[in-house]
Protein backbone atom coordinates (compact mmCIF):
# COMPACT_ATOMS: atom_id res chain seq x y z
CA MET A 1 -32.54 -27.29 41.15
CA LYS A 2 -29.02 -25.79 41.48
CA ARG A 3 -28.68 -22.56 43.42
CA VAL A 4 -26.15 -20.25 41.70
CA ALA A 5 -24.26 -17.32 43.22
CA LEU A 6 -23.05 -15.12 40.37
CA LEU A 7 -20.06 -12.93 41.17
CA GLY A 8 -19.15 -10.43 38.48
CA ALA A 9 -22.69 -10.34 37.15
CA THR A 10 -22.34 -7.22 35.01
CA GLY A 11 -19.20 -8.26 33.13
CA SER A 12 -18.92 -10.25 29.90
CA ILE A 13 -18.97 -13.67 31.58
CA GLY A 14 -21.68 -12.61 34.03
CA ARG A 15 -24.06 -11.41 31.35
CA GLN A 16 -23.65 -14.61 29.36
CA ALA A 17 -24.14 -16.65 32.54
CA ILE A 18 -27.45 -14.87 33.17
CA GLU A 19 -28.56 -15.87 29.69
CA ILE A 20 -27.69 -19.50 30.50
CA ILE A 21 -29.42 -19.39 33.90
CA ASP A 22 -32.58 -17.78 32.50
CA ALA A 23 -32.81 -20.51 29.86
CA SER A 24 -32.21 -23.40 32.29
CA PRO A 25 -35.11 -24.52 34.53
CA GLU A 26 -32.64 -26.50 36.63
CA LEU A 27 -30.70 -23.35 37.62
CA GLU A 28 -31.80 -20.71 40.15
CA LEU A 29 -29.97 -17.41 40.65
CA VAL A 30 -29.71 -16.75 44.40
CA ALA A 31 -27.00 -14.07 44.65
CA VAL A 32 -25.65 -11.29 42.43
CA ALA A 33 -22.43 -9.33 42.91
CA ALA A 34 -20.82 -6.55 40.90
CA GLY A 35 -17.83 -4.35 41.55
CA ARG A 36 -19.35 -1.49 39.61
CA ARG A 37 -22.59 -0.82 37.70
CA GLY A 38 -24.61 -1.06 40.90
CA ASN A 39 -27.89 -0.07 39.26
CA GLU A 40 -27.47 -2.81 36.65
CA ALA A 41 -26.71 -5.41 39.33
CA ARG A 42 -29.73 -4.40 41.39
CA ALA A 43 -31.94 -4.52 38.30
CA ILE A 44 -30.71 -8.05 37.54
CA ALA A 45 -31.54 -9.09 41.10
CA SER A 46 -34.91 -7.35 41.20
CA LYS A 47 -36.11 -8.89 37.95
CA ARG A 48 -35.28 -12.39 39.25
CA ARG A 49 -36.30 -11.78 42.89
CA VAL A 50 -32.78 -12.36 44.17
CA ALA A 51 -32.42 -11.36 47.81
CA HIS A 52 -28.63 -11.39 48.13
CA VAL A 53 -26.84 -8.54 46.34
CA SER A 54 -23.33 -7.12 46.71
CA VAL A 55 -22.12 -3.95 45.00
CA GLY A 56 -18.58 -2.63 45.30
CA GLY A 57 -17.73 -5.21 47.96
CA ASP A 58 -20.67 -4.38 50.23
CA PRO A 59 -21.24 -6.89 51.67
CA PRO A 60 -17.89 -8.62 51.07
CA LEU A 61 -18.05 -11.45 48.54
CA ASP A 62 -17.05 -14.14 51.04
CA ALA A 63 -19.90 -13.01 53.34
CA LEU A 64 -22.32 -13.02 50.41
CA VAL A 65 -21.35 -16.60 49.55
CA GLU A 66 -21.90 -17.70 53.12
CA ALA A 67 -25.26 -15.94 53.40
CA CYS A 68 -26.89 -17.27 50.22
CA ALA A 69 -25.98 -20.97 50.70
CA PRO A 70 -25.46 -21.74 46.99
CA ASP A 71 -24.80 -25.09 45.34
CA VAL A 72 -22.35 -23.49 42.93
CA VAL A 73 -20.48 -20.18 42.90
CA LEU A 74 -19.63 -18.74 39.50
CA ASN A 75 -16.68 -16.46 40.17
CA ALA A 76 -16.37 -14.12 37.17
CA VAL A 77 -14.79 -11.25 39.08
CA VAL A 78 -11.81 -9.78 37.22
CA GLY A 79 -8.43 -9.83 38.93
CA PHE A 80 -7.11 -10.36 42.45
CA ALA A 81 -10.38 -9.01 43.89
CA GLY A 82 -12.01 -12.38 43.21
CA LEU A 83 -9.63 -14.31 45.47
CA PRO A 84 -11.47 -14.09 48.84
CA ALA A 85 -14.66 -15.47 47.30
CA THR A 86 -12.73 -18.34 45.71
CA LEU A 87 -11.19 -19.32 49.03
CA ALA A 88 -14.53 -18.96 50.85
CA ALA A 89 -16.32 -21.25 48.39
CA LEU A 90 -13.55 -23.85 48.48
CA GLU A 91 -13.33 -23.83 52.29
CA ALA A 92 -17.11 -24.37 52.47
CA GLY A 93 -17.03 -27.29 50.04
CA ILE A 94 -19.18 -25.43 47.50
CA ASP A 95 -18.64 -26.24 43.84
CA LEU A 96 -16.71 -23.38 42.26
CA ALA A 97 -17.26 -22.52 38.59
CA LEU A 98 -14.06 -20.57 38.14
CA ALA A 99 -13.64 -17.86 35.53
CA ASN A 100 -11.38 -15.79 37.81
CA LYS A 101 -8.06 -17.32 36.75
CA GLU A 102 -6.16 -14.88 38.98
CA SER A 103 -7.36 -16.88 42.02
CA LEU A 104 -5.19 -19.83 41.07
CA VAL A 105 -2.38 -17.72 39.63
CA ALA A 106 -1.95 -15.64 42.78
CA ALA A 107 -2.95 -18.24 45.37
CA GLY A 108 -2.63 -21.67 43.79
CA ASP A 109 -1.22 -23.45 46.84
CA LEU A 110 -3.67 -21.79 49.23
CA ALA A 111 -6.60 -22.56 46.94
CA LEU A 112 -5.66 -26.23 46.58
CA ALA A 113 -5.31 -26.54 50.35
CA ALA A 114 -8.77 -24.99 50.81
CA LEU A 115 -10.16 -27.32 48.16
CA GLU A 116 -8.79 -30.35 50.01
CA ARG A 117 -10.21 -29.18 53.33
CA GLY A 118 -13.62 -28.33 51.91
CA GLY A 119 -14.05 -31.33 49.63
CA GLY A 120 -15.84 -29.49 46.82
CA ARG A 121 -14.90 -29.18 43.15
CA ILE A 122 -13.37 -26.61 40.85
CA LEU A 123 -15.20 -26.53 37.52
CA PRO A 124 -13.14 -24.41 35.11
CA VAL A 125 -14.96 -21.82 33.01
CA ASP A 126 -12.07 -20.56 30.88
CA SER A 127 -12.66 -22.17 27.50
CA GLU A 128 -9.18 -23.72 27.41
CA HIS A 129 -9.37 -25.23 30.88
CA SER A 130 -12.93 -26.41 30.37
CA ALA A 131 -11.69 -28.16 27.22
CA LEU A 132 -8.83 -29.82 29.10
CA PHE A 133 -11.16 -30.80 31.95
CA GLN A 134 -13.47 -32.53 29.50
CA CYS A 135 -10.67 -34.27 27.60
CA LEU A 136 -9.13 -35.49 30.85
CA GLU A 137 -12.31 -36.70 32.52
CA GLY A 138 -12.07 -40.34 33.46
CA ARG A 139 -8.41 -40.60 32.42
CA SER A 140 -5.64 -41.63 34.78
CA ALA A 141 -2.91 -39.07 35.42
CA GLN A 142 -0.34 -41.64 34.37
CA SER A 143 -1.80 -41.78 30.85
CA VAL A 144 -1.22 -38.06 30.20
CA ASP A 145 1.90 -36.93 28.38
CA ALA A 146 1.22 -33.19 27.98
CA LEU A 147 -1.43 -30.48 27.90
CA VAL A 148 -1.69 -28.09 24.96
CA LEU A 149 -3.28 -24.67 25.44
CA THR A 150 -4.36 -22.89 22.28
CA ALA A 151 -4.04 -19.13 21.84
CA SER A 152 -5.69 -17.03 19.15
CA GLY A 153 -2.60 -14.83 18.96
CA GLY A 154 -4.70 -11.74 19.60
CA PRO A 155 -5.02 -8.73 17.30
CA PHE A 156 -1.25 -8.31 16.84
CA ARG A 157 -0.28 -11.79 15.71
CA GLY A 158 2.53 -11.62 13.17
CA ARG A 159 3.63 -8.10 14.05
CA THR A 160 7.16 -7.19 15.10
CA ALA A 161 8.20 -5.40 18.27
CA GLU A 162 8.71 -2.24 16.22
CA ASP A 163 5.13 -2.48 14.95
CA LEU A 164 3.80 -2.48 18.53
CA ALA A 165 5.47 0.70 19.73
CA ASP A 166 2.57 2.98 18.81
CA VAL A 167 -0.51 0.74 19.04
CA THR A 168 -3.46 2.18 20.94
CA ALA A 169 -5.87 0.69 23.44
CA GLY A 170 -8.49 0.68 20.68
CA ASP A 171 -6.17 -1.38 18.48
CA ALA A 172 -5.52 -3.85 21.28
CA LEU A 173 -9.21 -4.22 22.17
CA ALA A 174 -10.12 -5.35 18.63
CA HIS A 175 -9.87 -9.08 19.27
CA PRO A 176 -10.27 -11.17 16.12
CA THR A 177 -12.32 -14.08 17.51
CA TRP A 178 -13.48 -13.63 21.13
CA SER A 179 -15.74 -11.06 22.78
CA MET A 180 -14.31 -10.39 26.26
CA GLY A 181 -13.90 -7.64 28.81
CA PRO A 182 -11.16 -5.02 28.34
CA LYS A 183 -8.63 -6.41 30.82
CA ILE A 184 -8.73 -9.95 29.43
CA THR A 185 -8.65 -8.63 25.87
CA ILE A 186 -5.46 -6.66 26.56
CA ASP A 187 -4.00 -9.76 28.23
CA SER A 188 -4.78 -11.67 25.05
CA ALA A 189 -2.99 -9.03 22.98
CA THR A 190 0.18 -9.34 25.12
CA LEU A 191 -0.14 -13.16 25.45
CA MET A 192 -0.23 -12.66 29.23
CA ASN A 193 -3.67 -14.27 29.21
CA LYS A 194 -2.06 -17.47 27.97
CA GLY A 195 0.67 -17.13 30.59
CA LEU A 196 -1.92 -16.84 33.35
CA GLU A 197 -3.76 -19.83 31.89
CA LEU A 198 -0.51 -21.79 31.90
CA ILE A 199 -0.13 -21.26 35.65
CA GLU A 200 -3.82 -21.99 36.20
CA ALA A 201 -3.54 -25.27 34.28
CA HIS A 202 -0.57 -26.31 36.42
CA PHE A 203 -2.64 -25.97 39.59
CA LEU A 204 -5.90 -27.31 38.16
CA PHE A 205 -4.48 -30.49 36.70
CA GLY A 206 -1.25 -31.08 38.64
CA ILE A 207 0.92 -31.09 35.51
CA GLN A 208 4.49 -29.78 35.55
CA TYR A 209 5.18 -26.63 33.54
CA GLU A 210 7.52 -28.54 31.23
CA ARG A 211 4.55 -30.63 30.10
CA ILE A 212 2.22 -27.72 29.30
CA GLU A 213 2.58 -26.38 25.76
CA VAL A 214 1.14 -23.24 24.18
CA VAL A 215 0.39 -23.02 20.46
CA VAL A 216 -1.17 -20.22 18.43
CA HIS A 217 -4.38 -21.27 16.68
CA PRO A 218 -5.88 -18.19 15.00
CA THR A 219 -9.41 -19.45 14.31
CA SER A 220 -10.04 -20.52 17.95
CA ILE A 221 -11.89 -23.68 16.88
CA VAL A 222 -9.70 -26.06 18.90
CA HIS A 223 -9.96 -24.89 22.49
CA SER A 224 -7.22 -27.16 23.88
CA LEU A 225 -5.72 -30.62 23.47
CA VAL A 226 -4.38 -33.41 25.66
CA ARG A 227 -1.50 -35.55 24.46
CA PHE A 228 -1.49 -39.08 25.86
CA ARG A 229 1.45 -41.41 26.35
CA ASP A 230 0.28 -43.78 23.62
CA GLY A 231 0.72 -41.05 20.99
CA ALA A 232 -2.96 -40.11 20.73
CA SER A 233 -4.25 -36.56 21.23
CA LEU A 234 -7.79 -35.60 22.23
CA ALA A 235 -9.05 -32.13 21.35
CA HIS A 236 -12.14 -30.09 22.22
CA LEU A 237 -13.58 -28.27 19.18
CA GLY A 238 -16.35 -25.75 18.79
CA TYR A 239 -17.12 -22.22 17.69
CA PRO A 240 -15.61 -19.57 20.01
CA ASP A 241 -18.52 -18.82 22.36
CA MET A 242 -18.16 -18.60 26.14
CA ARG A 243 -21.73 -19.76 26.73
CA VAL A 244 -20.58 -23.33 26.11
CA PRO A 245 -18.04 -23.60 28.98
CA ILE A 246 -20.27 -21.49 31.24
CA SER A 247 -23.19 -23.85 30.69
CA TYR A 248 -21.00 -26.92 31.16
CA ALA A 249 -19.67 -25.66 34.50
CA LEU A 250 -23.10 -24.66 35.83
CA THR A 251 -24.92 -27.84 34.80
CA TYR A 252 -22.06 -30.33 35.34
CA PRO A 253 -22.10 -33.33 35.10
CA ASP A 254 -24.98 -32.86 32.64
CA ARG A 255 -24.79 -31.05 29.32
CA ALA A 256 -27.68 -28.64 28.96
CA ALA A 257 -28.76 -27.48 25.52
CA THR A 258 -27.33 -24.14 24.39
CA PRO A 259 -28.22 -21.98 21.37
CA ILE A 260 -24.73 -22.50 19.89
CA PRO A 261 -24.71 -24.17 16.45
CA PRO A 262 -22.59 -27.28 15.96
CA LEU A 263 -19.50 -27.07 13.80
CA ASP A 264 -20.35 -27.18 10.11
CA LEU A 265 -17.69 -29.64 9.04
CA GLN A 266 -18.96 -29.82 5.46
CA ALA A 267 -18.32 -26.11 5.02
CA GLY A 268 -14.63 -26.80 5.64
CA LEU A 269 -12.43 -25.93 8.58
CA THR A 270 -8.85 -24.69 8.55
CA LEU A 271 -6.92 -25.79 11.63
CA GLU A 272 -3.60 -23.94 11.66
CA PHE A 273 -1.13 -24.00 14.53
CA GLU A 274 2.14 -22.15 15.07
CA ARG A 275 4.70 -21.46 17.74
CA PRO A 276 4.05 -18.31 19.84
CA ASP A 277 6.50 -15.44 19.33
CA GLU A 278 7.85 -15.00 22.86
CA GLU A 279 10.44 -12.43 21.79
CA THR A 280 7.81 -9.99 20.53
CA PHE A 281 5.34 -11.00 23.26
CA PRO A 282 7.51 -11.72 26.34
CA CYS A 283 4.62 -11.89 28.83
CA LEU A 284 4.18 -15.60 28.10
CA ARG A 285 7.82 -16.26 28.97
CA LEU A 286 7.57 -14.13 32.11
CA ALA A 287 4.53 -16.08 33.30
CA ARG A 288 6.21 -19.43 32.73
CA GLU A 289 9.30 -18.26 34.62
CA ALA A 290 7.18 -16.97 37.51
CA GLY A 291 5.32 -20.27 37.67
CA ARG A 292 8.55 -22.23 37.81
CA THR A 293 9.98 -19.89 40.48
CA GLY A 294 6.91 -20.53 42.61
CA GLY A 295 6.34 -18.99 46.01
CA ALA A 296 4.63 -15.66 45.58
CA ALA A 297 6.19 -14.94 42.17
CA PRO A 298 2.93 -15.64 40.31
CA CYS A 299 1.12 -13.26 42.69
CA VAL A 300 3.70 -10.55 41.91
CA LEU A 301 3.35 -11.27 38.19
CA ASN A 302 -0.43 -10.88 38.36
CA ALA A 303 -0.31 -7.69 40.45
CA ALA A 304 2.24 -6.03 38.18
CA ASN A 305 0.26 -6.99 35.09
CA GLU A 306 -2.98 -5.56 36.49
CA ILE A 307 -1.25 -2.25 37.19
CA ALA A 308 0.43 -2.17 33.77
CA VAL A 309 -2.75 -3.02 31.86
CA ALA A 310 -4.72 -0.34 33.73
CA ALA A 311 -2.01 2.22 32.90
CA PHE A 312 -2.09 1.22 29.22
CA LEU A 313 -5.89 1.46 29.07
CA ASP A 314 -5.66 4.91 30.67
CA GLY A 315 -3.20 6.03 27.99
CA ALA A 316 -0.39 6.46 30.52
CA LEU A 317 1.81 3.59 29.30
CA PRO A 318 2.75 2.40 25.82
CA PHE A 319 1.88 -1.16 24.86
CA PRO A 320 5.51 -2.45 25.10
CA GLY A 321 5.62 -0.99 28.61
CA ILE A 322 3.28 -3.71 29.90
CA PRO A 323 5.85 -6.54 29.82
CA GLU A 324 8.58 -4.15 30.94
CA VAL A 325 6.62 -3.21 34.07
CA VAL A 326 6.01 -6.89 34.82
CA GLU A 327 9.63 -7.93 34.23
CA ARG A 328 11.14 -5.16 36.32
CA THR A 329 8.67 -5.72 39.16
CA LEU A 330 9.42 -9.44 39.22
CA ALA A 331 13.17 -8.82 39.18
CA ALA A 332 13.00 -6.51 42.19
CA ALA A 333 10.48 -8.45 44.26
CA GLU A 334 11.05 -10.94 47.01
CA ALA A 335 8.73 -13.90 46.54
CA PRO A 336 8.33 -15.88 49.76
CA ARG A 337 5.58 -18.48 49.95
CA ALA A 338 2.43 -16.96 51.43
CA ARG A 339 1.17 -18.70 54.57
CA ASP A 340 -2.35 -17.31 54.36
CA LEU A 341 -4.57 -14.75 52.64
CA ALA A 342 -3.25 -11.90 54.78
CA ASP A 343 0.30 -12.64 53.60
CA LEU A 344 -0.87 -12.73 50.01
CA ILE A 345 -2.70 -9.41 50.31
CA GLU A 346 0.48 -7.83 51.67
CA ILE A 347 2.59 -9.26 48.83
CA ASP A 348 0.04 -8.13 46.27
CA ALA A 349 -0.04 -4.59 47.67
CA ALA A 350 3.77 -4.31 47.66
CA ALA A 351 3.95 -5.56 44.08
CA ARG A 352 1.28 -3.07 42.96
CA SER A 353 3.19 -0.22 44.57
CA ALA A 354 6.44 -1.26 42.89
CA ALA A 355 4.75 -1.77 39.52
CA GLY A 356 3.06 1.62 39.77
CA ALA A 357 6.43 3.28 40.32
CA VAL A 358 7.89 1.54 37.26
CA ALA A 359 4.86 2.47 35.15
CA ARG A 360 5.16 6.13 36.15
CA GLU A 361 8.86 6.10 35.34
CA LEU A 362 8.22 4.66 31.89
CA ALA A 363 5.38 7.10 31.27
CA ALA A 364 7.68 10.02 32.10
CA VAL A 365 10.17 9.07 29.38
CA SER A 366 7.64 7.90 26.81
CA PRO A 367 7.40 10.22 23.78
């Protein structure tokens, strides 16, 4: 029996994780956390007789993890708020099923140091990183030539910059293949989600940025590929459904049954790939540059993006303003390497303040 602490229980990943846990006799839910929707979180816990519950950070997520003594922590919290729980799980040597990509984006070096001290494992939940993890398992690092992350292209694939000037939040939330929460869906529309995944892949797998490719694959059947030095490529294929990587992370190293149908190859599959348009969608370029800069630049990138996305969802910033807020915040920020979580919190707060000022400036001149 695996004891599971579920952080972000009322979000898209959390709800699908509950479905997996309820259907798996080998999994036991022992803690539930939610930033909002407190009544829903308490109802989830009450129905399953879960004693440890956190709502709105009370108690703090790191304290919740310590109190419930789980075998695996599924961190599905959105944004920088999930970082303390990531570090707490890694320091304690608890297996971390990681859906909170911002933990590695903002604090990659700190997280890897905590992982080494604790001796646990990071089991990626993002579909792309889960795919890479599975394709790489049992392979020597020397045999790998490159990683290839696939992107759906989001709802605006093929549009020009001029086309994007007047798109609404409703337009951006209409993702063509995946069902996700609003923040991640907007990140998909800007290609920032792929930029964050690029940085996450660098830290997860120890591969230089120059050897991590991004390709647009509209049908989202191929979740990622690994190129090997002998010219072969291994790919992970399946219908776009997050219950597959969630189940794999929670039941690893086993593969529990899920209700997802296998690919119907006889019905025919179209596997198209194309180069991402980084001129129209500059967030991918900005993320790669921040990753290469290192230090706290990825933390600044993440903070500025969270502020810009929130402003766009609130109707206070046009869609093209998202990358502009991020770029201007990065250009103005100092990015020293954070020594600890306190340093990182300070850097994050300063970046949010700067990004907020840029967003307000852009909103003031927006027609």
